[in-house]
């Protein structure tokens, strides 16, 4: 039986995702695209903050 285990991203992976989203944000070609990247960026920053608070 094959199982797929999904793990939340690590701190380093989240930082890379945030960097990528920040660069996409500045390259957005429409307000809708900008809003989508901004929404994703906010969610990933929150996820990183929560991850870091758990480490303390």
Protein backbone atom coordinates (compact mmCIF):
# COMPACT_ATOMS: atom_id res chain seq x y z
CA UNK A 1 0.00 0.00 0.00
CA UNK A 2 1.40 3.35 -1.01
CA UNK A 3 0.93 6.25 1.34
CA UNK A 4 1.68 9.88 0.77
CA UNK A 5 2.89 11.80 3.77
CA UNK A 6 2.61 15.54 3.58
CA UNK A 7 4.80 17.60 5.85
CA UNK A 8 4.49 21.33 6.39
CA UNK A 9 7.32 23.34 4.85
CA UNK A 10 10.42 23.87 6.94
CA UNK A 11 11.59 27.31 8.05
CA UNK A 12 14.08 27.45 5.17
CA UNK A 13 11.47 26.35 2.62
CA UNK A 14 9.04 29.00 3.87
CA UNK A 15 11.72 31.68 3.57
CA UNK A 16 12.38 30.61 -0.03
CA UNK A 17 8.66 30.64 -0.85
CA UNK A 18 8.33 34.12 0.68
CA UNK A 19 11.30 35.39 -1.35
CA UNK A 20 9.78 34.00 -4.54
CA UNK A 21 6.38 35.55 -3.79
CA UNK A 22 7.99 38.92 -3.03
CA UNK A 23 9.72 38.94 -6.41
CA UNK A 24 6.50 37.91 -8.17
CA UNK A 25 4.63 40.66 -6.35
CA UNK A 26 6.81 43.31 -7.97
CA UNK A 27 6.39 41.68 -11.39
CA UNK A 28 2.59 41.43 -11.21
CA UNK A 29 0.97 42.54 -14.42
CA UNK A 30 -2.49 43.32 -13.06
CA UNK A 31 -4.14 44.35 -9.80
CA UNK A 32 -5.72 40.89 -9.54
CA UNK A 33 -2.33 39.20 -9.90
CA UNK A 34 -0.82 41.58 -7.34
CA UNK A 35 -3.65 40.85 -4.90
CA UNK A 36 -3.22 37.09 -5.35
CA UNK A 37 0.52 37.23 -4.63
CA UNK A 38 -0.06 39.58 -1.69
CA UNK A 39 -2.62 37.18 -0.21
CA UNK A 40 -0.27 34.21 -0.59
CA UNK A 41 2.61 36.22 0.84
CA UNK A 42 0.60 37.21 3.91
CA UNK A 43 -0.41 33.58 4.50
CA UNK A 44 3.18 32.31 4.19
CA UNK A 45 4.52 35.04 6.49
CA UNK A 46 1.89 34.06 9.07
CA UNK A 47 2.86 30.40 8.68
CA UNK A 48 6.54 31.28 9.21
CA UNK A 49 5.71 33.36 12.29
CA UNK A 50 3.71 30.48 13.76
CA UNK A 51 6.50 28.01 13.01
CA UNK A 52 9.09 30.25 14.67
CA UNK A 53 6.89 30.78 17.74
CA UNK A 54 6.59 27.00 18.16
CA UNK A 55 10.38 26.68 18.18
CA UNK A 56 10.72 28.93 21.22
